[in-house]
PDB file of all heavy atoms in Angstrom:
ATOM      1  N   PHE A   1     -42.048 -22.638 -33.627  1.00  0.00           N
ATOM      2  CA  PHE A   1     -42.863 -22.477 -34.836  1.00  0.00           C
ATOM      3  C   PHE A   1     -44.331 -22.264 -34.476  1.00  0.00           C
ATOM      4  O   PHE A   1     -44.985 -21.337 -34.985  1.00  0.00           O
ATOM      5  CB  PHE A   1     -42.714 -23.722 -35.726  1.00  0.00           C
ATOM      6  CG  PHE A   1     -43.637 -23.738 -36.914  1.00  0.00           C
ATOM      7  CD1 PHE A   1     -43.357 -22.980 -38.036  1.00  0.00           C
ATOM      8  CD2 PHE A   1     -44.794 -24.513 -36.898  1.00  0.00           C
ATOM      9  CE1 PHE A   1     -44.216 -22.981 -39.133  1.00  0.00           C
ATOM     10  CE2 PHE A   1     -45.658 -24.523 -37.985  1.00  0.00           C
ATOM     11  CZ  PHE A   1     -45.368 -23.748 -39.109  1.00  0.00           C
ATOM     12  N   LEU A   2     -44.854 -23.105 -33.584  1.00  0.00           N
ATOM     13  CA  LEU A   2     -46.250 -22.965 -33.181  1.00  0.00           C
ATOM     14  C   LEU A   2     -46.499 -21.624 -32.502  1.00  0.00           C
ATOM     15  O   LEU A   2     -47.521 -20.968 -32.739  1.00  0.00           O
ATOM     16  CB  LEU A   2     -46.640 -24.112 -32.245  1.00  0.00           C
ATOM     17  CG  LEU A   2     -46.692 -25.521 -32.853  1.00  0.00           C
ATOM     18  CD1 LEU A   2     -46.968 -26.558 -31.767  1.00  0.00           C
ATOM     19  CD2 LEU A   2     -47.756 -25.602 -33.944  1.00  0.00           C
ATOM     20  N   GLY A   3     -45.557 -21.220 -31.645  1.00  0.00           N
ATOM     21  CA  GLY A   3     -45.717 -19.952 -30.948  1.00  0.00           C
ATOM     22  C   GLY A   3     -45.647 -18.760 -31.874  1.00  0.00           C
ATOM     23  O   GLY A   3     -46.343 -17.757 -31.679  1.00  0.00           O
ATOM     24  N   THR A   4     -44.802 -18.846 -32.921  1.00  0.00           N
ATOM     25  CA  THR A   4     -44.661 -17.741 -33.865  1.00  0.00           C
ATOM     26  C   THR A   4     -45.851 -17.646 -34.806  1.00  0.00           C
ATOM     27  O   THR A   4     -46.397 -16.564 -35.038  1.00  0.00           O
ATOM     28  CB  THR A   4     -43.364 -17.903 -34.681  1.00  0.00           C
ATOM     29  OG1 THR A   4     -42.244 -17.939 -33.798  1.00  0.00           O
ATOM     30  CG2 THR A   4     -43.194 -16.750 -35.658  1.00  0.00           C
ATOM     31  N   VAL A   5     -46.271 -18.773 -35.361  1.00  0.00           N
ATOM     32  CA  VAL A   5     -47.324 -18.778 -36.372  1.00  0.00           C
ATOM     33  C   VAL A   5     -48.701 -18.559 -35.748  1.00  0.00           C
ATOM     34  O   VAL A   5     -49.508 -17.757 -36.253  1.00  0.00           O
ATOM     35  CB  VAL A   5     -47.301 -20.101 -37.165  1.00  0.00           C
ATOM     36  CG1 VAL A   5     -48.485 -20.179 -38.119  1.00  0.00           C
ATOM     37  CG2 VAL A   5     -45.991 -20.219 -37.942  1.00  0.00           C
ATOM     38  N   LEU A   6     -48.990 -19.248 -34.658  1.00  0.00           N
ATOM     39  CA  LEU A   6     -50.326 -19.188 -34.064  1.00  0.00           C
ATOM     40  C   LEU A   6     -50.449 -18.149 -32.954  1.00  0.00           C
ATOM     41  O   LEU A   6     -51.554 -17.823 -32.531  1.00  0.00           O
ATOM     42  CB  LEU A   6     -50.722 -20.575 -33.550  1.00  0.00           C
ATOM     43  CG  LEU A   6     -50.761 -21.654 -34.644  1.00  0.00           C
ATOM     44  CD1 LEU A   6     -51.106 -23.015 -34.059  1.00  0.00           C
ATOM     45  CD2 LEU A   6     -51.753 -21.289 -35.732  1.00  0.00           C
ATOM     46  N   ALA A   7     -49.312 -17.637 -32.465  1.00  0.00           N
ATOM     47  CA  ALA A   7     -49.260 -16.473 -31.576  1.00  0.00           C
ATOM     48  C   ALA A   7     -50.294 -16.493 -30.454  1.00  0.00           C
ATOM     49  O   ALA A   7     -51.221 -15.676 -30.433  1.00  0.00           O
ATOM     50  CB  ALA A   7     -49.407 -15.196 -32.396  1.00  0.00           C
ATOM     51  N   PRO A   8     -50.156 -17.421 -29.482  1.00  0.00           N
ATOM     52  CA  PRO A   8     -51.167 -17.496 -28.408  1.00  0.00           C
ATOM     53  C   PRO A   8     -51.176 -16.299 -27.479  1.00  0.00           C
ATOM     54  O   PRO A   8     -52.175 -16.066 -26.799  1.00  0.00           O
ATOM     55  CB  PRO A   8     -50.758 -18.773 -27.660  1.00  0.00           C
ATOM     56  CG  PRO A   8     -49.288 -18.912 -27.919  1.00  0.00           C
ATOM     57  CD  PRO A   8     -49.093 -18.418 -29.325  1.00  0.00           C
ATOM     58  N   GLY A   9     -50.091 -15.516 -27.431  1.00  0.00           N
ATOM     59  CA  GLY A   9     -50.023 -14.413 -26.477  1.00  0.00           C
ATOM     60  C   GLY A   9     -50.441 -13.066 -27.023  1.00  0.00           C
ATOM     61  O   GLY A   9     -50.485 -12.082 -26.268  1.00  0.00           O
ATOM     62  N   LEU A  10     -50.752 -12.975 -28.316  1.00  0.00           N
ATOM     63  CA  LEU A  10     -51.159 -11.695 -28.881  1.00  0.00           C
ATOM     64  C   LEU A  10     -52.578 -11.334 -28.459  1.00  0.00           C
ATOM     65  O   LEU A  10     -53.416 -12.198 -28.255  1.00  0.00           O
ATOM     66  CB  LEU A  10     -51.070 -11.740 -30.410  1.00  0.00           C
ATOM     67  CG  LEU A  10     -49.661 -11.793 -31.016  1.00  0.00           C
ATOM     68  CD1 LEU A  10     -49.745 -11.738 -32.536  1.00  0.00           C
ATOM     69  CD2 LEU A  10     -48.790 -10.665 -30.490  1.00  0.00           C
ATOM     70  N   GLY A  11     -52.826 -10.021 -28.355  1.00  0.00           N
ATOM     71  CA  GLY A  11     -54.168  -9.553 -28.042  1.00  0.00           C
ATOM     72  C   GLY A  11     -54.445  -9.357 -26.578  1.00  0.00           C
ATOM     73  O   GLY A  11     -55.557  -8.993 -26.205  1.00  0.00           O
ATOM     74  N   VAL A  12     -53.435  -9.599 -25.719  1.00  0.00           N
ATOM     75  CA  VAL A  12     -53.610  -9.397 -24.280  1.00  0.00           C
ATOM     76  C   VAL A  12     -53.046  -8.031 -23.908  1.00  0.00           C
ATOM     77  O   VAL A  12     -51.855  -7.767 -24.115  1.00  0.00           O
ATOM     78  CB  VAL A  12     -52.913 -10.499 -23.463  1.00  0.00           C
ATOM     79  CG1 VAL A  12     -53.119 -10.253 -21.974  1.00  0.00           C
ATOM     80  CG2 VAL A  12     -53.448 -11.861 -23.863  1.00  0.00           C
ATOM     81  N   ASP A  13     -53.873  -7.157 -23.390  1.00  0.00           N
ATOM     82  CA  ASP A  13     -53.446  -5.817 -22.997  1.00  0.00           C
ATOM     83  C   ASP A  13     -52.844  -5.875 -21.603  1.00  0.00           C
ATOM     84  O   ASP A  13     -53.535  -6.104 -20.612  1.00  0.00           O
ATOM     85  CB  ASP A  13     -54.636  -4.865 -23.015  1.00  0.00           C
ATOM     86  CG  ASP A  13     -54.226  -3.433 -22.681  1.00  0.00           C
ATOM     87  OD1 ASP A  13     -53.007  -3.167 -22.595  1.00  0.00           O
ATOM     88  OD2 ASP A  13     -55.127  -2.590 -22.511  1.00  0.00           O
ATOM     89  N   THR A  14     -51.532  -5.687 -21.529  1.00  0.00           N
ATOM     90  CA  THR A  14     -50.830  -5.783 -20.234  1.00  0.00           C
ATOM     91  C   THR A  14     -50.456  -4.416 -19.689  1.00  0.00           C
ATOM     92  O   THR A  14     -49.635  -4.323 -18.774  1.00  0.00           O
ATOM     93  CB  THR A  14     -49.560  -6.635 -20.388  1.00  0.00           C
ATOM     94  OG1 THR A  14     -48.703  -6.029 -21.374  1.00  0.00           O
ATOM     95  CG2 THR A  14     -49.898  -8.043 -20.826  1.00  0.00           C
ATOM     96  N   THR A  15     -51.018  -3.359 -20.224  1.00  0.00           N
ATOM     97  CA  THR A  15     -50.636  -2.024 -19.758  1.00  0.00           C
ATOM     98  C   THR A  15     -51.006  -1.803 -18.294  1.00  0.00           C
ATOM     99  O   THR A  15     -50.397  -0.976 -17.618  1.00  0.00           O
ATOM    100  CB  THR A  15     -51.327  -0.952 -20.615  1.00  0.00           C
ATOM    101  OG1 THR A  15     -52.749  -1.162 -20.598  1.00  0.00           O
ATOM    102  CG2 THR A  15     -50.835  -1.016 -22.056  1.00  0.00           C
ATOM    103  N   ALA A  16     -51.998  -2.566 -17.799  1.00  0.00           N
ATOM    104  CA  ALA A  16     -52.421  -2.405 -16.398  1.00  0.00           C
ATOM    105  C   ALA A  16     -51.495  -3.131 -15.431  1.00  0.00           C
ATOM    106  O   ALA A  16     -51.595  -2.941 -14.222  1.00  0.00           O
ATOM    107  CB  ALA A  16     -53.841  -2.923 -16.215  1.00  0.00           C
ATOM    108  N   LEU A  17     -50.601  -3.937 -15.977  1.00  0.00           N
ATOM    109  CA  LEU A  17     -49.699  -4.693 -15.112  1.00  0.00           C
ATOM    110  C   LEU A  17     -48.468  -3.873 -14.788  1.00  0.00           C
ATOM    111  O   LEU A  17     -47.897  -3.210 -15.649  1.00  0.00           O
ATOM    112  CB  LEU A  17     -49.269  -6.007 -15.773  1.00  0.00           C
ATOM    113  CG  LEU A  17     -50.382  -7.008 -16.091  1.00  0.00           C
ATOM    114  CD1 LEU A  17     -49.775  -8.264 -16.683  1.00  0.00           C
ATOM    115  CD2 LEU A  17     -51.169  -7.343 -14.844  1.00  0.00           C
ATOM    116  N   ASN A  18     -48.035  -3.953 -13.555  1.00  0.00           N
ATOM    117  CA  ASN A  18     -46.827  -3.257 -13.126  1.00  0.00           C
ATOM    118  C   ASN A  18     -45.686  -4.257 -13.032  1.00  0.00           C
ATOM    119  O   ASN A  18     -45.426  -4.836 -11.990  1.00  0.00           O
ATOM    120  CB  ASN A  18     -47.063  -2.595 -11.762  1.00  0.00           C
ATOM    121  CG  ASN A  18     -45.836  -1.821 -11.291  1.00  0.00           C
ATOM    122  OD1 ASN A  18     -44.987  -1.434 -12.091  1.00  0.00           O
ATOM    123  ND2 ASN A  18     -45.771  -1.592  -9.981  1.00  0.00           N
ATOM    124  N   VAL A  19     -45.025  -4.479 -14.163  1.00  0.00           N
ATOM    125  CA  VAL A  19     -43.958  -5.478 -14.195  1.00  0.00           C
ATOM    126  C   VAL A  19     -42.591  -4.865 -14.457  1.00  0.00           C
ATOM    127  O   VAL A  19     -41.620  -5.567 -14.668  1.00  0.00           O
ATOM    128  CB  VAL A  19     -44.251  -6.545 -15.272  1.00  0.00           C
ATOM    129  CG1 VAL A  19     -45.520  -7.291 -14.959  1.00  0.00           C
ATOM    130  CG2 VAL A  19     -44.336  -5.909 -16.661  1.00  0.00           C
ATOM    131  N   GLY A  20     -42.528  -3.536 -14.466  1.00  0.00           N
ATOM    132  CA  GLY A  20     -41.245  -2.902 -14.719  1.00  0.00           C
ATOM    133  C   GLY A  20     -40.964  -2.827 -16.209  1.00  0.00           C
ATOM    134  O   GLY A  20     -41.728  -3.283 -17.049  1.00  0.00           O
ATOM    135  N   ASP A  21     -39.848  -2.239 -16.535  1.00  0.00           N
ATOM    136  CA  ASP A  21     -39.461  -2.088 -17.932  1.00  0.00           C
ATOM    137  C   ASP A  21     -38.961  -3.410 -18.487  1.00  0.00           C
ATOM    138  O   ASP A  21     -38.169  -4.109 -17.849  1.00  0.00           O
ATOM    139  CB  ASP A  21     -38.358  -1.030 -18.068  1.00  0.00           C
ATOM    140  CG  ASP A  21     -38.858   0.364 -17.671  1.00  0.00           C
ATOM    141  OD1 ASP A  21     -40.070   0.614 -17.861  1.00  0.00           O
ATOM    142  OD2 ASP A  21     -38.040   1.164 -17.176  1.00  0.00           O
ATOM    143  N   THR A  22     -39.411  -3.735 -19.692  1.00  0.00           N
ATOM    144  CA  THR A  22     -38.964  -4.947 -20.355  1.00  0.00           C
ATOM    145  C   THR A  22     -37.567  -4.734 -20.913  1.00  0.00           C
ATOM    146  O   THR A  22     -37.323  -3.735 -21.592  1.00  0.00           O
ATOM    147  CB  THR A  22     -39.912  -5.324 -21.497  1.00  0.00           C
ATOM    148  OG1 THR A  22     -41.214  -5.513 -20.965  1.00  0.00           O
ATOM    149  CG2 THR A  22     -39.451  -6.591 -22.194  1.00  0.00           C
ATOM    150  N   PRO A  23     -36.625  -5.615 -20.640  1.00  0.00           N
ATOM    151  CA  PRO A  23     -35.273  -5.442 -21.156  1.00  0.00           C
ATOM    152  C   PRO A  23     -35.277  -5.402 -22.677  1.00  0.00           C
ATOM    153  O   PRO A  23     -36.059  -6.100 -23.323  1.00  0.00           O
ATOM    154  CB  PRO A  23     -34.533  -6.694 -20.643  1.00  0.00           C
ATOM    155  CG  PRO A  23     -35.364  -7.191 -19.503  1.00  0.00           C
ATOM    156  CD  PRO A  23     -36.765  -6.825 -19.832  1.00  0.00           C
ATOM    157  N   PRO A  24     -34.424  -4.558 -23.277  1.00  0.00           N
ATOM    158  CA  PRO A  24     -34.354  -4.511 -24.740  1.00  0.00           C
ATOM    159  C   PRO A  24     -33.735  -5.781 -25.292  1.00  0.00           C
ATOM    160  O   PRO A  24     -33.051  -6.507 -24.578  1.00  0.00           O
ATOM    161  CB  PRO A  24     -33.437  -3.301 -24.993  1.00  0.00           C
ATOM    162  CG  PRO A  24     -32.575  -3.210 -23.764  1.00  0.00           C
ATOM    163  CD  PRO A  24     -33.460  -3.654 -22.641  1.00  0.00           C
ATOM    164  N   PRO A  25     -33.995  -6.087 -26.577  1.00  0.00           N
ATOM    165  CA  PRO A  25     -33.393  -7.275 -27.176  1.00  0.00           C
ATOM    166  C   PRO A  25     -31.876  -7.219 -27.116  1.00  0.00           C
ATOM    167  O   PRO A  25     -31.269  -6.152 -27.156  1.00  0.00           O
ATOM    168  CB  PRO A  25     -33.898  -7.225 -28.631  1.00  0.00           C
ATOM    169  CG  PRO A  25     -35.098  -6.342 -28.606  1.00  0.00           C
ATOM    170  CD  PRO A  25     -34.862  -5.359 -27.509  1.00  0.00           C
ATOM    171  N   SER A  26     -31.279  -8.373 -27.012  1.00  0.00           N
ATOM    172  CA  SER A  26     -29.827  -8.447 -26.945  1.00  0.00           C
ATOM    173  C   SER A  26     -29.197  -8.015 -28.261  1.00  0.00           C
ATOM    174  O   SER A  26     -29.677  -8.360 -29.351  1.00  0.00           O
ATOM    175  CB  SER A  26     -29.397  -9.891 -26.618  1.00  0.00           C
ATOM    176  OG  SER A  26     -27.996  -9.999 -26.693  1.00  0.00           O
ATOM    177  N   GLU A  27     -28.124  -7.215 -28.192  1.00  0.00           N
ATOM    178  CA  GLU A  27     -27.413  -6.774 -29.375  1.00  0.00           C
ATOM    179  C   GLU A  27     -26.024  -7.404 -29.459  1.00  0.00           C
ATOM    180  O   GLU A  27     -25.161  -6.923 -30.181  1.00  0.00           O
ATOM    181  CB  GLU A  27     -27.299  -5.250 -29.383  1.00  0.00           C
ATOM    182  CG  GLU A  27     -28.661  -4.535 -29.435  1.00  0.00           C
ATOM    183  CD  GLU A  27     -28.518  -3.025 -29.463  1.00  0.00           C
ATOM    184  OE1 GLU A  27     -27.364  -2.550 -29.367  1.00  0.00           O
ATOM    185  OE2 GLU A  27     -29.545  -2.335 -29.570  1.00  0.00           O
ATOM    186  N   THR A  28     -25.811  -8.460 -28.736  1.00  0.00           N
ATOM    187  CA  THR A  28     -24.515  -9.121 -28.753  1.00  0.00           C
ATOM    188  C   THR A  28     -24.313  -9.854 -30.070  1.00  0.00           C
ATOM    189  O   THR A  28     -25.251 -10.333 -30.697  1.00  0.00           O
ATOM    190  CB  THR A  28     -24.407 -10.130 -27.597  1.00  0.00           C
ATOM    191  OG1 THR A  28     -25.497 -11.068 -27.698  1.00  0.00           O
ATOM    192  CG2 THR A  28     -24.494  -9.423 -26.261  1.00  0.00           C
ATOM    193  N   THR A  29     -23.045  -9.920 -30.496  1.00  0.00           N
ATOM    194  CA  THR A  29     -22.708 -10.624 -31.728  1.00  0.00           C
ATOM    195  C   THR A  29     -22.553 -12.111 -31.449  1.00  0.00           C
ATOM    196  O   THR A  29     -22.547 -12.550 -30.294  1.00  0.00           O
ATOM    197  CB  THR A  29     -21.399 -10.071 -32.305  1.00  0.00           C
ATOM    198  OG1 THR A  29     -20.321 -10.380 -31.396  1.00  0.00           O
ATOM    199  CG2 THR A  29     -21.487  -8.555 -32.487  1.00  0.00           C
ATOM    200  N   TRP A  30     -22.412 -12.891 -32.533  1.00  0.00           N
ATOM    201  CA  TRP A  30     -22.241 -14.331 -32.360  1.00  0.00           C
ATOM    202  C   TRP A  30     -20.930 -14.627 -31.648  1.00  0.00           C
ATOM    203  O   TRP A  30     -20.817 -15.611 -30.918  1.00  0.00           O
ATOM    204  CB  TRP A  30     -22.311 -15.037 -33.705  1.00  0.00           C
ATOM    205  CG  TRP A  30     -21.204 -14.700 -34.675  1.00  0.00           C
ATOM    206  CD1 TRP A  30     -21.201 -13.695 -35.604  1.00  0.00           C
ATOM    207  CD2 TRP A  30     -19.938 -15.361 -34.795  1.00  0.00           C
ATOM    208  NE1 TRP A  30     -20.020 -13.674 -36.292  1.00  0.00           N
ATOM    209  CE2 TRP A  30     -19.227 -14.698 -35.830  1.00  0.00           C
ATOM    210  CE3 TRP A  30     -19.351 -16.439 -34.142  1.00  0.00           C
ATOM    211  CZ2 TRP A  30     -17.953 -15.084 -36.214  1.00  0.00           C
ATOM    212  CZ3 TRP A  30     -18.078 -16.825 -34.532  1.00  0.00           C
ATOM    213  CH2 TRP A  30     -17.387 -16.156 -35.549  1.00  0.00           C
ATOM    214  N   ARG A  31     -19.927 -13.775 -31.833  1.00  0.00           N
ATOM    215  CA  ARG A  31     -18.653 -13.965 -31.127  1.00  0.00           C
ATOM    216  C   ARG A  31     -18.841 -13.779 -29.619  1.00  0.00           C
ATOM    217  O   ARG A  31     -18.294 -14.541 -28.816  1.00  0.00           O
ATOM    218  CB  ARG A  31     -17.598 -12.992 -31.657  1.00  0.00           C
ATOM    219  CG  ARG A  31     -17.186 -13.243 -33.104  1.00  0.00           C
ATOM    220  CD  ARG A  31     -16.120 -12.241 -33.557  1.00  0.00           C
ATOM    221  NE  ARG A  31     -15.682 -12.486 -34.912  1.00  0.00           N
ATOM    222  CZ  ARG A  31     -16.296 -12.021 -35.995  1.00  0.00           C
ATOM    223  NH1 ARG A  31     -17.395 -11.273 -35.852  1.00  0.00           N
ATOM    224  NH2 ARG A  31     -15.832 -12.294 -37.198  1.00  0.00           N
ATOM    225  N   ASP A  32     -19.620 -12.731 -29.261  1.00  0.00           N
ATOM    226  CA  ASP A  32     -19.904 -12.499 -27.838  1.00  0.00           C
ATOM    227  C   ASP A  32     -20.673 -13.668 -27.239  1.00  0.00           C
ATOM    228  O   ASP A  32     -20.446 -14.062 -26.092  1.00  0.00           O
ATOM    229  CB  ASP A  32     -20.707 -11.208 -27.659  1.00  0.00           C
ATOM    230  CG  ASP A  32     -19.935  -9.970 -28.092  1.00  0.00           C
ATOM    231  OD1 ASP A  32     -18.687  -9.990 -27.978  1.00  0.00           O
ATOM    232  OD2 ASP A  32     -20.574  -9.010 -28.548  1.00  0.00           O
ATOM    233  N   MET A  33     -21.594 -14.227 -28.042  1.00  0.00           N
ATOM    234  CA  MET A  33     -22.389 -15.343 -27.554  1.00  0.00           C
ATOM    235  C   MET A  33     -21.512 -16.564 -27.286  1.00  0.00           C
ATOM    236  O   MET A  33     -21.671 -17.253 -26.278  1.00  0.00           O
ATOM    237  CB  MET A  33     -23.490 -15.685 -28.562  1.00  0.00           C
ATOM    238  CG  MET A  33     -24.458 -16.756 -28.084  1.00  0.00           C
ATOM    239  SD  MET A  33     -25.812 -17.064 -29.256  1.00  0.00           S
ATOM    240  CE  MET A  33     -26.651 -15.483 -29.197  1.00  0.00           C
ATOM    241  N   ILE A  34     -20.575 -16.836 -28.217  1.00  0.00           N
ATOM    242  CA  ILE A  34     -19.675 -17.978 -28.031  1.00  0.00           C
ATOM    243  C   ILE A  34     -18.802 -17.779 -26.801  1.00  0.00           C
ATOM    244  O   ILE A  34     -18.645 -18.689 -25.973  1.00  0.00           O
ATOM    245  CB  ILE A  34     -18.817 -18.191 -29.290  1.00  0.00           C
ATOM    246  CG1 ILE A  34     -19.698 -18.671 -30.448  1.00  0.00           C
ATOM    247  CG2 ILE A  34     -17.712 -19.214 -29.016  1.00  0.00           C
ATOM    248  CD1 ILE A  34     -18.961 -18.814 -31.762  1.00  0.00           C
ATOM    249  N   MET A  35     -18.241 -16.580 -26.661  1.00  0.00           N
ATOM    250  CA  MET A  35     -17.399 -16.315 -25.488  1.00  0.00           C
ATOM    251  C   MET A  35     -18.222 -16.358 -24.202  1.00  0.00           C
ATOM    252  O   MET A  35     -17.730 -16.788 -23.154  1.00  0.00           O
ATOM    253  CB  MET A  35     -16.732 -14.944 -25.629  1.00  0.00           C
ATOM    254  CG  MET A  35     -15.642 -14.889 -26.685  1.00  0.00           C
ATOM    255  SD  MET A  35     -14.303 -16.085 -26.372  1.00  0.00           S
ATOM    256  CE  MET A  35     -13.706 -15.519 -24.768  1.00  0.00           C
ATOM    257  N   GLY A  36     -19.485 -15.951 -24.296  1.00  0.00           N
ATOM    258  CA  GLY A  36     -20.343 -15.971 -23.112  1.00  0.00           C
ATOM    259  C   GLY A  36     -20.692 -17.363 -22.650  1.00  0.00           C
ATOM    260  O   GLY A  36     -21.126 -17.559 -21.512  1.00  0.00           O
ATOM    261  N   MET A  37     -20.514 -18.357 -23.529  1.00  0.00           N
ATOM    262  CA  MET A  37     -20.799 -19.743 -23.158  1.00  0.00           C
ATOM    263  C   MET A  37     -19.700 -20.339 -22.290  1.00  0.00           C
ATOM    264  O   MET A  37     -19.903 -21.368 -21.649  1.00  0.00           O
ATOM    265  CB  MET A  37     -20.971 -20.601 -24.416  1.00  0.00           C
ATOM    266  CG  MET A  37     -22.189 -20.243 -25.242  1.00  0.00           C
ATOM    267  SD  MET A  37     -22.212 -21.083 -26.855  1.00  0.00           S
ATOM    268  CE  MET A  37     -22.196 -22.806 -26.330  1.00  0.00           C
ATOM    269  N   ILE A  38     -18.529 -19.714 -22.281  1.00  0.00           N
ATOM    270  CA  ILE A  38     -17.386 -20.253 -21.527  1.00  0.00           C
ATOM    271  C   ILE A  38     -17.451 -19.759 -20.087  1.00  0.00           C
ATOM    272  O   ILE A  38     -17.397 -18.552 -19.833  1.00  0.00           O
ATOM    273  CB  ILE A  38     -16.059 -19.833 -22.177  1.00  0.00           C
ATOM    274  CG1 ILE A  38     -16.016 -20.308 -23.632  1.00  0.00           C
ATOM    275  CG2 ILE A  38     -14.876 -20.394 -21.384  1.00  0.00           C
ATOM    276  CD1 ILE A  38     -14.823 -19.798 -24.407  1.00  0.00           C
ATOM    277  N   PRO A  39     -17.564 -20.653 -19.123  1.00  0.00           N
ATOM    278  CA  PRO A  39     -17.676 -20.238 -17.705  1.00  0.00           C
ATOM    279  C   PRO A  39     -16.311 -19.859 -17.122  1.00  0.00           C
ATOM    280  O   PRO A  39     -15.659 -20.660 -16.466  1.00  0.00           O
ATOM    281  CB  PRO A  39     -18.238 -21.501 -17.030  1.00  0.00           C
ATOM    282  CG  PRO A  39     -17.737 -22.630 -17.887  1.00  0.00           C
ATOM    283  CD  PRO A  39     -17.666 -22.117 -19.299  1.00  0.00           C
ATOM    284  N   GLN A  40     -15.895 -18.638 -17.366  1.00  0.00           N
ATOM    285  CA  GLN A  40     -14.577 -18.201 -16.897  1.00  0.00           C
ATOM    286  C   GLN A  40     -14.489 -18.217 -15.372  1.00  0.00           C
ATOM    287  O   GLN A  40     -13.433 -18.452 -14.811  1.00  0.00           O
ATOM    288  CB  GLN A  40     -14.275 -16.805 -17.441  1.00  0.00           C
ATOM    289  CG  GLN A  40     -14.271 -16.744 -18.966  1.00  0.00           C
ATOM    290  CD  GLN A  40     -13.937 -15.360 -19.488  1.00  0.00           C
ATOM    291  OE1 GLN A  40     -13.097 -14.655 -18.938  1.00  0.00           O
ATOM    292  NE2 GLN A  40     -14.598 -14.962 -20.559  1.00  0.00           N
ATOM    293  N   SER A  41     -15.603 -17.940 -14.714  1.00  0.00           N
ATOM    294  CA  SER A  41     -15.666 -18.042 -13.258  1.00  0.00           C
ATOM    295  C   SER A  41     -16.962 -18.764 -12.894  1.00  0.00           C
ATOM    296  O   SER A  41     -18.029 -18.140 -12.864  1.00  0.00           O
ATOM    297  CB  SER A  41     -15.635 -16.653 -12.609  1.00  0.00           C
ATOM    298  OG  SER A  41     -15.888 -16.751 -11.215  1.00  0.00           O
ATOM    299  N   PRO A  42     -16.892 -20.065 -12.641  1.00  0.00           N
ATOM    300  CA  PRO A  42     -18.114 -20.815 -12.331  1.00  0.00           C
ATOM    301  C   PRO A  42     -18.906 -20.237 -11.158  1.00  0.00           C
ATOM    302  O   PRO A  42     -20.140 -20.240 -11.181  1.00  0.00           O
ATOM    303  CB  PRO A  42     -17.591 -22.220 -12.005  1.00  0.00           C
ATOM    304  CG  PRO A  42     -16.302 -22.316 -12.762  1.00  0.00           C
ATOM    305  CD  PRO A  42     -15.712 -20.941 -12.704  1.00  0.00           C
TER     306      PRO A  42
END
């Protein structure tokens, strides 16, 4: 809540940083998330 409302990280220009491409947001469904919680191979 504090991070969303008060947004401490906004306003920083990071274009000069070479950190690679940022991964896109996850598009997995809630079913995929539940199945992903099960460690089929530890």
